[in-house]
Amino acid sequence: MTTRDHVLRALRDSGAGGVSGESIAHVLGISRVAVSKHVAALRALGYVIEAVRGSGYVFVSAPDLALPAEVEPLVRDPLWHDFAGGPSTGSTNDDARLLAREGAGEGCVVVAASQDAGRGRMGRTWTSPAGGAYFSVVLRPPVAPSQAGPLALVVALGVARGLEAVGVVAGLKWPNDLQLRGHKLAGVLLEMSAESDRIDWVVAGVGINVSRPEHPFEGAAYLSESRPGIGAATAVAAALDGIAEVYAVWRDGGFAPLRAAYEERSVLKGRAVVVSDLTGAVRANGTVLGIDDEGRLLVGGRAGVEAVVAGEVTLRR
């Protein structure tokens, strides 16, 4: 936790009675001027903190933002720890990759309320305005790189299950998107460092559209459309708990125990699709039959059944 986080915790813990800047300064070993600056910074983020004569500072309310200090108290699963981040960053995935390279343990989380350089699969830009929910986690699965193929599906399924726990039912578009009524609600980006026989680390990044902006993006869906009033911090915490649950199943038993749950939420099963590679070349053309135990998309066509490892899926008109 940062010093600012400790100041925030002291304000919250003081309740309606408030706490003096002098008391916070004494406990944290900083000056009263430093406390005042941290309080001003918290107010700038949207925290309502009143100054009351005779009481000091009184915490009133927190902003609806995906900030580490707001997310961490809501997370139940012990997998997650060492929350980092802030109101804005370039990319939570970049931050998490740096932490992973520096030795951060499995379960480290980076959270931000906005990103300046967010990205999705195939190098696409992921527009990340304030009011969304953006986070990345460090994972160190004890499996060979060849077994990590389904991990993007595992994370997407975990996000879906977590959001279901707070009343949002989203569909899964292979391999890594969540949809509401045919529009993109969330996406997953995985990056990995590995040797031939072991994985060093995996960074799984998730972006969730939470509040519908004044000028919504074409093709986007927002949590507020399905569940008005849901907060960004609540969405992140729910997604983290869902990921932890599903990740534990995959880590211990592979994707097979999760396949049915993924297919139940698939928006592609039974649909006619074209699957293309990075160059635009068609990899498969037919009807989606499901997912196999390796997380591959099964597409039935004239040439038989194709098991697609990766690609861009387009619905046939």
C-alpha atoms as a PDB file:
ATOM      1  CA  MET A   1       0.000   0.000   0.000  1.00  0.00           C
ATOM      2  CA  THR A   2       1.131   3.539  -0.716  1.00  0.00           C
ATOM      3  CA  THR A   3       1.213   6.288   1.894  1.00  0.00           C
ATOM      4  CA  ARG A   4      -1.906   7.734   0.285  1.00  0.00           C
ATOM      5  CA  ASP A   5      -3.665   4.392   0.707  1.00  0.00           C
ATOM      6  CA  HIS A   6      -2.731   4.396   4.392  1.00  0.00           C
ATOM      7  CA  VAL A   7      -4.106   7.933   4.756  1.00  0.00           C
ATOM      8  CA  LEU A   8      -7.329   6.816   3.071  1.00  0.00           C
ATOM      9  CA  ARG A   9      -7.624   3.801   5.352  1.00  0.00           C
ATOM     10  CA  ALA A  10      -7.134   5.987   8.419  1.00  0.00           C
ATOM     11  CA  LEU A  11      -9.887   8.315   7.221  1.00  0.00           C
ATOM     12  CA  ARG A  12     -12.259   5.425   6.551  1.00  0.00           C
ATOM     13  CA  ASP A  13     -11.521   3.688   9.838  1.00  0.00           C
ATOM     14  CA  SER A  14     -12.238   6.861  11.809  1.00  0.00           C
ATOM     15  CA  GLY A  15     -15.944   6.728  10.944  1.00  0.00           C
ATOM     16  CA  ALA A  16     -18.305   9.629  11.525  1.00  0.00           C
ATOM     17  CA  GLY A  17     -16.205  10.890  14.424  1.00  0.00           C
ATOM     18  CA  GLY A  18     -13.371  11.896  12.125  1.00  0.00           C
ATOM     19  CA  VAL A  19      -9.651  11.976  12.743  1.00  0.00           C
ATOM     20  CA  SER A  20      -7.171  14.809  13.002  1.00  0.00           C
ATOM     21  CA  GLY A  21      -4.387  15.363  10.518  1.00  0.00           C
ATOM     22  CA  GLU A  22      -1.994  15.392  13.466  1.00  0.00           C
ATOM     23  CA  SER A  23      -3.115  11.911  14.516  1.00  0.00           C
ATOM     24  CA  ILE A  24      -2.692  10.507  10.997  1.00  0.00           C
ATOM     25  CA  ALA A  25       0.720  12.138  10.706  1.00  0.00           C
ATOM     26  CA  HIS A  26       1.857  10.628  14.009  1.00  0.00           C
ATOM     27  CA  VAL A  27       0.707   7.099  13.142  1.00  0.00           C
ATOM     28  CA  LEU A  28       2.224   7.141   9.638  1.00  0.00           C
ATOM     29  CA  GLY A  29       5.395   9.003  10.550  1.00  0.00           C
ATOM     30  CA  ILE A  30       4.820  11.846   8.094  1.00  0.00           C
ATOM     31  CA  SER A  31       4.205  15.576   8.459  1.00  0.00           C
ATOM     32  CA  ARG A  32       0.801  17.237   8.779  1.00  0.00           C
ATOM     33  CA  VAL A  33       1.567  19.065   5.535  1.00  0.00           C
ATOM     34  CA  ALA A  34       2.037  15.697   3.804  1.00  0.00           C
ATOM     35  CA  VAL A  35      -1.290  14.498   5.203  1.00  0.00           C
ATOM     36  CA  SER A  36      -2.977  17.639   3.888  1.00  0.00           C
ATOM     37  CA  LYS A  37      -1.495  17.058   0.431  1.00  0.00           C
ATOM     38  CA  HIS A  38      -2.688  13.449   0.381  1.00  0.00           C
ATOM     39  CA  VAL A  39      -6.182  14.533   1.413  1.00  0.00           C
ATOM     40  CA  ALA A  40      -6.198  17.121  -1.384  1.00  0.00           C
ATOM     41  CA  ALA A  41      -5.138  14.451  -3.883  1.00  0.00           C
ATOM     42  CA  LEU A  42      -7.900  12.126  -2.688  1.00  0.00           C
ATOM     43  CA  ARG A  43     -10.450  14.904  -3.066  1.00  0.00           C
ATOM     44  CA  ALA A  44      -9.209  15.501  -6.613  1.00  0.00           C
ATOM     45  CA  LEU A  45     -10.000  11.838  -7.378  1.00  0.00           C
ATOM     46  CA  GLY A  46     -13.567  12.327  -6.208  1.00  0.00           C
ATOM     47  CA  TYR A  47     -13.401  11.312  -2.547  1.00  0.00           C
ATOM     48  CA  VAL A  48     -15.626  13.491  -0.368  1.00  0.00           C
ATOM     49  CA  ILE A  49     -13.665  14.338   2.773  1.00  0.00           C
ATOM     50  CA  GLU A  50     -14.966  17.110   4.998  1.00  0.00           C
ATOM     51  CA  ALA A  51     -12.938  19.243   7.377  1.00  0.00           C
ATOM     52  CA  VAL A  52     -14.888  19.600  10.631  1.00  0.00           C
ATOM     53  CA  ARG A  53     -13.813  21.933  13.422  1.00  0.00           C
ATOM     54  CA  GLY A  54     -12.939  19.916  16.493  1.00  0.00           C
ATOM     55  CA  SER A  55     -12.961  16.595  14.633  1.00  0.00           C
ATOM     56  CA  GLY A  56     -10.447  17.003  11.849  1.00  0.00           C
ATOM     57  CA  TYR A  57     -11.149  15.112   8.661  1.00  0.00           C
ATOM     58  CA  VAL A  58     -14.386  13.164   8.184  1.00  0.00           C
ATOM     59  CA  PHE A  59     -14.651  10.606   5.383  1.00  0.00           C
ATOM     60  CA  VAL A  60     -18.011  10.927   3.589  1.00  0.00           C
ATOM     61  CA  SER A  61     -17.931   8.942   0.345  1.00  0.00           C
ATOM     62  CA  ALA A  62     -15.748   7.366  -2.343  1.00  0.00           C
ATOM     63  CA  PRO A  63     -15.874   7.848  -6.123  1.00  0.00           C
ATOM     64  CA  ASP A  64     -17.215   5.156  -8.444  1.00  0.00           C
ATOM     65  CA  LEU A  65     -13.807   4.336  -9.892  1.00  0.00           C
ATOM     66  CA  ALA A  66     -11.736   1.178 -10.314  1.00  0.00           C
ATOM     67  CA  LEU A  67      -8.975   2.152  -7.910  1.00  0.00           C
ATOM     68  CA  PRO A  68      -6.824  -0.308  -5.933  1.00  0.00           C
ATOM     69  CA  ALA A  69      -8.025   1.082  -2.606  1.00  0.00           C
ATOM     70  CA  GLU A  70     -11.661   0.572  -3.663  1.00  0.00           C
ATOM     71  CA  VAL A  71     -11.234  -2.874  -5.227  1.00  0.00           C
ATOM     72  CA  GLU A  72      -9.063  -4.649  -2.656  1.00  0.00           C
ATOM     73  CA  PRO A  73     -11.568  -4.585   0.254  1.00  0.00           C
ATOM     74  CA  LEU A  74     -14.240  -6.135  -2.005  1.00  0.00           C
ATOM     75  CA  VAL A  75     -12.154  -9.104  -3.176  1.00  0.00           C
ATOM     76  CA  ARG A  76     -12.815 -12.357  -1.322  1.00  0.00           C
ATOM     77  CA  ASP A  77     -10.435 -14.875  -2.905  1.00  0.00           C
ATOM     78  CA  PRO A  78      -7.019 -15.086  -1.206  1.00  0.00           C
ATOM     79  CA  LEU A  79      -5.237 -15.618  -4.551  1.00  0.00           C
ATOM     80  CA  TRP A  80      -5.163 -11.855  -5.079  1.00  0.00           C
ATOM     81  CA  HIS A  81      -2.739  -9.618  -3.188  1.00  0.00           C
ATOM     82  CA  ASP A  82      -0.316  -6.710  -3.647  1.00  0.00           C
ATOM     83  CA  PHE A  83      -2.774  -4.389  -5.397  1.00  0.00           C
ATOM     84  CA  ALA A  84      -1.097  -1.656  -7.445  1.00  0.00           C
ATOM     85  CA  GLY A  85      -2.213   0.972  -9.944  1.00  0.00           C
ATOM     86  CA  GLY A  86      -4.091   4.244  -9.708  1.00  0.00           C
ATOM     87  CA  PRO A  87      -6.519   6.552 -11.466  1.00  0.00           C
ATOM     88  CA  SER A  88      -4.698   6.336 -14.803  1.00  0.00           C
ATOM     89  CA  THR A  89      -1.841   4.455 -16.440  1.00  0.00           C
ATOM     90  CA  GLY A  90      -0.533   3.751 -19.896  1.00  0.00           C
ATOM     91  CA  SER A  91      -1.411   0.054 -19.810  1.00  0.00           C
ATOM     92  CA  THR A  92      -2.119  -2.185 -16.839  1.00  0.00           C
ATOM     93  CA  ASN A  93      -0.618  -5.063 -18.829  1.00  0.00           C
ATOM     94  CA  ASP A  94       2.646  -3.169 -19.273  1.00  0.00           C
ATOM     95  CA  ASP A  95       2.721  -2.386 -15.553  1.00  0.00           C
ATOM     96  CA  ALA A  96       1.995  -6.004 -14.618  1.00  0.00           C
ATOM     97  CA  ARG A  97       4.641  -7.310 -17.034  1.00  0.00           C
ATOM     98  CA  LEU A  98       7.229  -5.086 -15.362  1.00  0.00           C
ATOM     99  CA  LEU A  99       6.204  -6.353 -11.933  1.00  0.00           C
ATOM    100  CA  ALA A 100       6.314  -9.956 -13.175  1.00  0.00           C
ATOM    101  CA  ARG A 101       9.822  -9.495 -14.553  1.00  0.00           C
ATOM    102  CA  GLU A 102      10.844  -8.027 -11.198  1.00  0.00           C
ATOM    103  CA  GLY A 103       9.604 -11.151  -9.436  1.00  0.00           C
ATOM    104  CA  ALA A 104       6.047 -10.312  -8.388  1.00  0.00           C
ATOM    105  CA  GLY A 105       4.278 -13.383  -7.085  1.00  0.00           C
ATOM    106  CA  GLU A 106       1.222 -15.044  -8.543  1.00  0.00           C
ATOM    107  CA  GLY A 107      -1.861 -13.024  -7.696  1.00  0.00           C
ATOM    108  CA  CYS A 108      -0.365  -9.541  -7.988  1.00  0.00           C
ATOM    109  CA  VAL A 109      -3.018  -7.146  -9.388  1.00  0.00           C
ATOM    110  CA  VAL A 110      -2.733  -3.832 -11.251  1.00  0.00           C
ATOM    111  CA  VAL A 111      -5.949  -1.771 -11.435  1.00  0.00           C
ATOM    112  CA  ALA A 112      -6.691   1.533 -13.177  1.00  0.00           C
ATOM    113  CA  ALA A 113      -9.739   3.693 -13.844  1.00  0.00           C
ATOM    114  CA  SER A 114      -8.413   4.672 -17.292  1.00  0.00           C
ATOM    115  CA  GLN A 115      -5.575   3.807 -19.685  1.00  0.00           C
ATOM    116  CA  ASP A 116      -3.729   5.953 -22.203  1.00  0.00           C
ATOM    117  CA  ALA A 117      -2.263   3.058 -24.186  1.00  0.00           C
ATOM    118  CA  GLY A 118      -4.589   0.107 -23.659  1.00  0.00           C
ATOM    119  CA  ARG A 119      -4.477  -2.623 -26.274  1.00  0.00           C
ATOM    120  CA  GLY A 120      -6.275  -5.780 -27.260  1.00  0.00           C
ATOM    121  CA  ARG A 121      -5.535  -8.866 -29.329  1.00  0.00           C
ATOM    122  CA  MET A 122      -3.499  -8.520 -32.520  1.00  0.00           C
ATOM    123  CA  GLY A 123      -2.150  -5.137 -31.379  1.00  0.00           C
ATOM    124  CA  ARG A 124      -5.511  -3.401 -31.618  1.00  0.00           C
ATOM    125  CA  THR A 125      -6.120  -0.286 -29.556  1.00  0.00           C
ATOM    126  CA  TRP A 126      -8.490  -0.762 -26.615  1.00  0.00           C
ATOM    127  CA  THR A 127     -10.051   2.613 -25.901  1.00  0.00           C
ATOM    128  CA  SER A 128      -9.971   2.983 -22.123  1.00  0.00           C
ATOM    129  CA  PRO A 129     -11.804   6.102 -20.919  1.00  0.00           C
ATOM    130  CA  ALA A 130     -12.346   7.008 -17.281  1.00  0.00           C
ATOM    131  CA  GLY A 131     -15.282   5.172 -15.783  1.00  0.00           C
ATOM    132  CA  GLY A 132     -14.314   1.777 -17.140  1.00  0.00           C
ATOM    133  CA  ALA A 133     -12.674  -1.095 -15.298  1.00  0.00           C
ATOM    134  CA  TYR A 134      -9.183  -2.124 -16.359  1.00  0.00           C
ATOM    135  CA  PHE A 135      -6.964  -4.596 -14.556  1.00  0.00           C
ATOM    136  CA  SER A 136      -4.153  -7.069 -15.117  1.00  0.00           C
ATOM    137  CA  VAL A 137      -3.008  -9.977 -12.982  1.00  0.00           C
ATOM    138  CA  VAL A 138       0.226 -11.927 -12.710  1.00  0.00           C
ATOM    139  CA  LEU A 139      -0.147 -15.707 -12.915  1.00  0.00           C
ATOM    140  CA  ARG A 140       2.554 -18.363 -12.637  1.00  0.00           C
ATOM    141  CA  PRO A 141       0.794 -21.609 -13.598  1.00  0.00           C
ATOM    142  CA  PRO A 142       2.808 -24.813 -12.979  1.00  0.00           C
ATOM    143  CA  VAL A 143       2.240 -26.153 -16.494  1.00  0.00           C
ATOM    144  CA  ALA A 144       4.238 -26.421 -19.700  1.00  0.00           C
ATOM    145  CA  PRO A 145       3.741 -23.674 -22.314  1.00  0.00           C
ATOM    146  CA  SER A 146       2.083 -26.236 -24.584  1.00  0.00           C
ATOM    147  CA  GLN A 147      -0.709 -26.596 -22.001  1.00  0.00           C
ATOM    148  CA  ALA A 148      -1.449 -22.875 -21.732  1.00  0.00           C
ATOM    149  CA  GLY A 149      -3.519 -22.620 -24.910  1.00  0.00           C
ATOM    150  CA  PRO A 150      -6.937 -22.440 -23.204  1.00  0.00           C
ATOM    151  CA  LEU A 151      -5.891 -19.866 -20.599  1.00  0.00           C
ATOM    152  CA  ALA A 152      -7.513 -16.904 -22.392  1.00  0.00           C
ATOM    153  CA  LEU A 153     -10.777 -18.862 -22.412  1.00  0.00           C
ATOM    154  CA  VAL A 154     -10.313 -19.672 -18.729  1.00  0.00           C
ATOM    155  CA  VAL A 155      -9.922 -15.993 -17.838  1.00  0.00           C
ATOM    156  CA  ALA A 156     -12.890 -14.967 -20.010  1.00  0.00           C
ATOM    157  CA  LEU A 157     -15.056 -17.642 -18.383  1.00  0.00           C
ATOM    158  CA  GLY A 158     -13.936 -16.453 -14.964  1.00  0.00           C
ATOM    159  CA  VAL A 159     -14.907 -12.867 -15.765  1.00  0.00           C
ATOM    160  CA  ALA A 160     -18.303 -14.068 -17.013  1.00  0.00           C
ATOM    161  CA  ARG A 161     -18.926 -16.102 -13.857  1.00  0.00           C
ATOM    162  CA  GLY A 162     -17.859 -13.230 -11.658  1.00  0.00           C
ATOM    163  CA  LEU A 163     -20.186 -10.780 -13.384  1.00  0.00           C
ATOM    164  CA  GLU A 164     -23.032 -13.277 -13.100  1.00  0.00           C
ATOM    165  CA  ALA A 165     -22.568 -13.128  -9.338  1.00  0.00           C
ATOM    166  CA  VAL A 166     -23.476  -9.420  -9.446  1.00  0.00           C
ATOM    167  CA  GLY A 167     -26.387  -9.886 -11.822  1.00  0.00           C
ATOM    168  CA  VAL A 168     -24.833  -9.420 -15.272  1.00  0.00           C
ATOM    169  CA  VAL A 169     -25.220 -12.335 -17.686  1.00  0.00           C
ATOM    170  CA  ALA A 170     -22.810 -12.044 -20.625  1.00  0.00           C
ATOM    171  CA  GLY A 171     -22.061 -14.388 -23.506  1.00  0.00           C
ATOM    172  CA  LEU A 172     -18.602 -15.595 -24.549  1.00  0.00           C
ATOM    173  CA  LYS A 173     -17.236 -15.010 -28.041  1.00  0.00           C
ATOM    174  CA  TRP A 174     -14.254 -17.280 -28.651  1.00  0.00           C
ATOM    175  CA  PRO A 175     -11.528 -16.806 -27.792  1.00  0.00           C
ATOM    176  CA  ASN A 176     -11.511 -13.852 -25.428  1.00  0.00           C
ATOM    177  CA  ASP A 177     -14.507 -11.503 -25.645  1.00  0.00           C
ATOM    178  CA  LEU A 178     -17.620 -11.065 -23.530  1.00  0.00           C
ATOM    179  CA  GLN A 179     -20.776  -9.779 -25.172  1.00  0.00           C
ATOM    180  CA  LEU A 180     -24.142  -8.332 -24.195  1.00  0.00           C
ATOM    181  CA  ARG A 181     -26.831  -8.530 -26.859  1.00  0.00           C
ATOM    182  CA  GLY A 182     -24.249  -8.956 -29.594  1.00  0.00           C
ATOM    183  CA  HIS A 183     -22.060  -6.041 -28.517  1.00  0.00           C
ATOM    184  CA  LYS A 184     -18.642  -6.192 -26.859  1.00  0.00           C
ATOM    185  CA  LEU A 185     -18.714  -5.759 -23.094  1.00  0.00           C
ATOM    186  CA  ALA A 186     -15.213  -6.900 -22.155  1.00  0.00           C
ATOM    187  CA  GLY A 187     -12.019  -8.313 -23.594  1.00  0.00           C
ATOM    188  CA  VAL A 188      -9.050 -10.344 -22.400  1.00  0.00           C
ATOM    189  CA  LEU A 189      -5.401 -10.023 -23.441  1.00  0.00           C
ATOM    190  CA  LEU A 190      -2.805 -12.619 -22.422  1.00  0.00           C
ATOM    191  CA  GLU A 191       0.957 -12.160 -22.577  1.00  0.00           C
ATOM    192  CA  MET A 192       3.441 -14.820 -21.512  1.00  0.00           C
ATOM    193  CA  SER A 193       7.121 -15.348 -20.817  1.00  0.00           C
ATOM    194  CA  ALA A 194       8.232 -18.967 -20.999  1.00  0.00           C
ATOM    195  CA  GLU A 195      11.074 -21.357 -21.612  1.00  0.00           C
ATOM    196  CA  SER A 196      10.735 -24.583 -23.561  1.00  0.00           C
ATOM    197  CA  ASP A 197       9.478 -26.608 -20.614  1.00  0.00           C
ATOM    198  CA  ARG A 198       7.998 -24.102 -18.174  1.00  0.00           C
ATOM    199  CA  ILE A 199       6.104 -20.848 -17.913  1.00  0.00           C
ATOM    200  CA  ASP A 200       7.856 -18.017 -16.116  1.00  0.00           C
ATOM    201  CA  TRP A 201       4.806 -15.770 -15.929  1.00  0.00           C
ATOM    202  CA  VAL A 202       1.512 -14.955 -17.584  1.00  0.00           C
ATOM    203  CA  VAL A 203      -0.083 -11.522 -17.482  1.00  0.00           C
ATOM    204  CA  ALA A 204      -3.835 -11.553 -18.065  1.00  0.00           C
ATOM    205  CA  GLY A 205      -5.359  -8.167 -18.806  1.00  0.00           C
ATOM    206  CA  VAL A 206      -9.090  -7.462 -18.698  1.00  0.00           C
ATOM    207  CA  GLY A 207     -11.004  -4.389 -19.827  1.00  0.00           C
ATOM    208  CA  ILE A 208     -14.691  -3.976 -18.959  1.00  0.00           C
ATOM    209  CA  ASN A 209     -17.015  -1.252 -20.246  1.00  0.00           C
ATOM    210  CA  VAL A 210     -18.887  -0.074 -17.161  1.00  0.00           C
ATOM    211  CA  SER A 211     -20.682   3.261 -17.582  1.00  0.00           C
ATOM    212  CA  ARG A 212     -22.205   4.300 -20.900  1.00  0.00           C
ATOM    213  CA  PRO A 213     -20.462   7.540 -21.960  1.00  0.00           C
ATOM    214  CA  GLU A 214     -22.182  10.508 -23.551  1.00  0.00           C
ATOM    215  CA  HIS A 215     -20.844   9.368 -26.910  1.00  0.00           C
ATOM    216  CA  PRO A 216     -20.746   5.539 -26.761  1.00  0.00           C
ATOM    217  CA  PHE A 217     -18.447   3.557 -29.013  1.00  0.00           C
ATOM    218  CA  GLU A 218     -19.986   1.714 -31.928  1.00  0.00           C
ATOM    219  CA  GLY A 219     -20.390  -1.980 -31.178  1.00  0.00           C
ATOM    220  CA  ALA A 220     -19.796  -1.561 -27.432  1.00  0.00           C
ATOM    221  CA  ALA A 221     -21.999  -2.707 -24.561  1.00  0.00           C
ATOM    222  CA  TYR A 222     -21.907  -1.346 -21.019  1.00  0.00           C
ATOM    223  CA  LEU A 223     -22.619  -2.869 -17.621  1.00  0.00           C
ATOM    224  CA  SER A 224     -24.849   0.080 -16.778  1.00  0.00           C
ATOM    225  CA  GLU A 225     -27.217  -0.997 -19.572  1.00  0.00           C
ATOM    226  CA  SER A 226     -27.731  -4.403 -17.986  1.00  0.00           C
ATOM    227  CA  ARG A 227     -27.366  -3.588 -14.301  1.00  0.00           C
ATOM    228  CA  PRO A 228     -27.790   0.129 -13.534  1.00  0.00           C
ATOM    229  CA  GLY A 229     -25.888   1.219 -10.469  1.00  0.00           C
ATOM    230  CA  ILE A 230     -23.142  -1.391 -10.584  1.00  0.00           C
ATOM    231  CA  GLY A 231     -19.818   0.208  -9.705  1.00  0.00           C
ATOM    232  CA  ALA A 232     -16.496  -0.184 -11.467  1.00  0.00           C
ATOM    233  CA  ALA A 233     -14.774  -1.416  -8.298  1.00  0.00           C
ATOM    234  CA  THR A 234     -17.536  -3.963  -7.730  1.00  0.00           C
ATOM    235  CA  ALA A 235     -17.155  -5.189 -11.312  1.00  0.00           C
ATOM    236  CA  VAL A 236     -13.389  -5.658 -10.951  1.00  0.00           C
ATOM    237  CA  ALA A 237     -13.694  -7.447  -7.603  1.00  0.00           C
ATOM    238  CA  ALA A 238     -16.392  -9.764  -8.949  1.00  0.00           C
ATOM    239  CA  ALA A 239     -14.326 -10.548 -12.037  1.00  0.00           C
ATOM    240  CA  LEU A 240     -11.228 -11.270  -9.936  1.00  0.00           C
ATOM    241  CA  ASP A 241     -13.113 -13.689  -7.703  1.00  0.00           C
ATOM    242  CA  GLY A 242     -14.577 -15.412 -10.764  1.00  0.00           C
ATOM    243  CA  ILE A 243     -11.165 -15.736 -12.403  1.00  0.00           C
ATOM    244  CA  ALA A 244      -9.631 -17.199  -9.236  1.00  0.00           C
ATOM    245  CA  GLU A 245     -12.328 -19.864  -9.010  1.00  0.00           C
ATOM    246  CA  VAL A 246     -12.030 -20.958 -12.646  1.00  0.00           C
ATOM    247  CA  TYR A 247      -8.232 -20.680 -12.721  1.00  0.00           C
ATOM    248  CA  ALA A 248      -7.960 -23.091  -9.780  1.00  0.00           C
ATOM    249  CA  VAL A 249     -10.040 -25.673 -11.660  1.00  0.00           C
ATOM    250  CA  TRP A 250      -7.926 -25.311 -14.814  1.00  0.00           C
ATOM    251  CA  ARG A 251      -4.632 -25.410 -12.921  1.00  0.00           C
ATOM    252  CA  ASP A 252      -5.594 -28.674 -11.237  1.00  0.00           C
ATOM    253  CA  GLY A 253      -7.463 -30.435 -14.042  1.00  0.00           C
ATOM    254  CA  GLY A 254      -7.017 -28.664 -17.357  1.00  0.00           C
ATOM    255  CA  PHE A 255      -9.765 -27.215 -19.529  1.00  0.00           C
ATOM    256  CA  ALA A 256     -11.904 -30.355 -19.827  1.00  0.00           C
ATOM    257  CA  PRO A 257     -13.819 -29.733 -16.554  1.00  0.00           C
ATOM    258  CA  LEU A 258     -14.621 -26.199 -17.775  1.00  0.00           C
ATOM    259  CA  ARG A 259     -15.568 -26.928 -21.361  1.00  0.00           C
ATOM    260  CA  ALA A 260     -19.295 -27.390 -20.746  1.00  0.00           C
ATOM    261  CA  ALA A 261     -19.493 -24.168 -18.731  1.00  0.00           C
ATOM    262  CA  TYR A 262     -17.776 -22.274 -21.549  1.00  0.00           C
ATOM    263  CA  GLU A 263     -20.024 -23.768 -24.234  1.00  0.00           C
ATOM    264  CA  GLU A 264     -23.159 -22.929 -22.220  1.00  0.00           C
ATOM    265  CA  ARG A 265     -22.209 -19.267 -22.510  1.00  0.00           C
ATOM    266  CA  SER A 266     -20.938 -19.383 -26.106  1.00  0.00           C
ATOM    267  CA  VAL A 267     -22.542 -16.925 -28.520  1.00  0.00           C
ATOM    268  CA  LEU A 268     -20.999 -18.798 -31.472  1.00  0.00           C
ATOM    269  CA  LYS A 269     -22.185 -22.382 -31.024  1.00  0.00           C
ATOM    270  CA  GLY A 270     -24.448 -23.334 -33.914  1.00  0.00           C
ATOM    271  CA  ARG A 271     -23.616 -20.163 -35.843  1.00  0.00           C
ATOM    272  CA  ALA A 272     -22.133 -20.012 -39.343  1.00  0.00           C
ATOM    273  CA  VAL A 273     -18.707 -18.369 -39.186  1.00  0.00           C
ATOM    274  CA  VAL A 274     -15.541 -17.601 -41.085  1.00  0.00           C
ATOM    275  CA  VAL A 275     -12.272 -17.829 -39.140  1.00  0.00           C
ATOM    276  CA  SER A 276      -9.311 -15.870 -40.525  1.00  0.00           C
ATOM    277  CA  ASP A 277      -5.674 -15.625 -39.485  1.00  0.00           C
ATOM    278  CA  LEU A 278      -3.574 -12.483 -39.015  1.00  0.00           C
ATOM    279  CA  THR A 279      -3.050 -12.124 -42.765  1.00  0.00           C
ATOM    280  CA  GLY A 280      -6.761 -12.385 -43.505  1.00  0.00           C
ATOM    281  CA  ALA A 281      -6.465 -15.877 -44.965  1.00  0.00           C
ATOM    282  CA  VAL A 282      -9.455 -18.104 -44.211  1.00  0.00           C
ATOM    283  CA  ARG A 283      -8.639 -20.863 -41.713  1.00  0.00           C
ATOM    284  CA  ALA A 284     -12.124 -22.341 -41.390  1.00  0.00           C
ATOM    285  CA  ASN A 285     -15.548 -21.792 -42.894  1.00  0.00           C
ATOM    286  CA  GLY A 286     -18.611 -23.525 -41.494  1.00  0.00           C
ATOM    287  CA  THR A 287     -20.763 -23.990 -38.411  1.00  0.00           C
ATOM    288  CA  VAL A 288     -19.378 -23.779 -34.888  1.00  0.00           C
ATOM    289  CA  LEU A 289     -19.841 -27.149 -33.190  1.00  0.00           C
ATOM    290  CA  GLY A 290     -18.268 -26.217 -29.875  1.00  0.00           C
ATOM    291  CA  ILE A 291     -14.915 -26.212 -28.077  1.00  0.00           C
ATOM    292  CA  ASP A 292     -12.605 -29.164 -27.506  1.00  0.00           C
ATOM    293  CA  ASP A 293     -10.662 -30.028 -24.352  1.00  0.00           C
ATOM    294  CA  GLU A 294      -7.710 -27.955 -25.580  1.00  0.00           C
ATOM    295  CA  GLY A 295      -9.843 -24.832 -25.987  1.00  0.00           C
ATOM    296  CA  ARG A 296      -9.824 -25.042 -29.777  1.00  0.00           C
ATOM    297  CA  LEU A 297     -12.857 -23.855 -31.745  1.00  0.00           C
ATOM    298  CA  LEU A 298     -14.502 -26.730 -33.610  1.00  0.00           C
ATOM    299  CA  VAL A 299     -15.876 -25.657 -36.989  1.00  0.00           C
ATOM    300  CA  GLY A 300     -17.739 -28.120 -39.195  1.00  0.00           C
ATOM    301  CA  GLY A 301     -17.615 -27.519 -42.939  1.00  0.00           C
ATOM    302  CA  ARG A 302     -17.379 -29.273 -46.285  1.00  0.00           C
ATOM    303  CA  ALA A 303     -13.865 -30.465 -45.504  1.00  0.00           C
ATOM    304  CA  GLY A 304     -14.914 -31.968 -42.173  1.00  0.00           C
ATOM    305  CA  VAL A 305     -14.277 -30.610 -38.692  1.00  0.00           C
ATOM    306  CA  GLU A 306     -11.490 -28.064 -38.224  1.00  0.00           C
ATOM    307  CA  ALA A 307     -10.000 -27.510 -34.754  1.00  0.00           C
ATOM    308  CA  VAL A 308      -8.896 -23.868 -34.778  1.00  0.00           C
ATOM    309  CA  VAL A 309      -6.196 -22.818 -32.317  1.00  0.00           C
ATOM    310  CA  ALA A 310      -6.339 -19.066 -32.972  1.00  0.00           C
ATOM    311  CA  GLY A 311      -7.992 -16.657 -35.335  1.00  0.00           C
ATOM    312  CA  GLU A 312     -10.495 -13.893 -35.927  1.00  0.00           C
ATOM    313  CA  VAL A 313     -14.110 -15.078 -35.994  1.00  0.00           C
ATOM    314  CA  THR A 314     -16.683 -13.346 -38.189  1.00  0.00           C
ATOM    315  CA  LEU A 315     -20.336 -14.331 -38.344  1.00  0.00           C
ATOM    316  CA  ARG A 316     -21.490 -15.230 -41.847  1.00  0.00           C
ATOM    317  CA  ARG A 317     -24.379 -13.140 -43.112  1.00  0.00           C
END
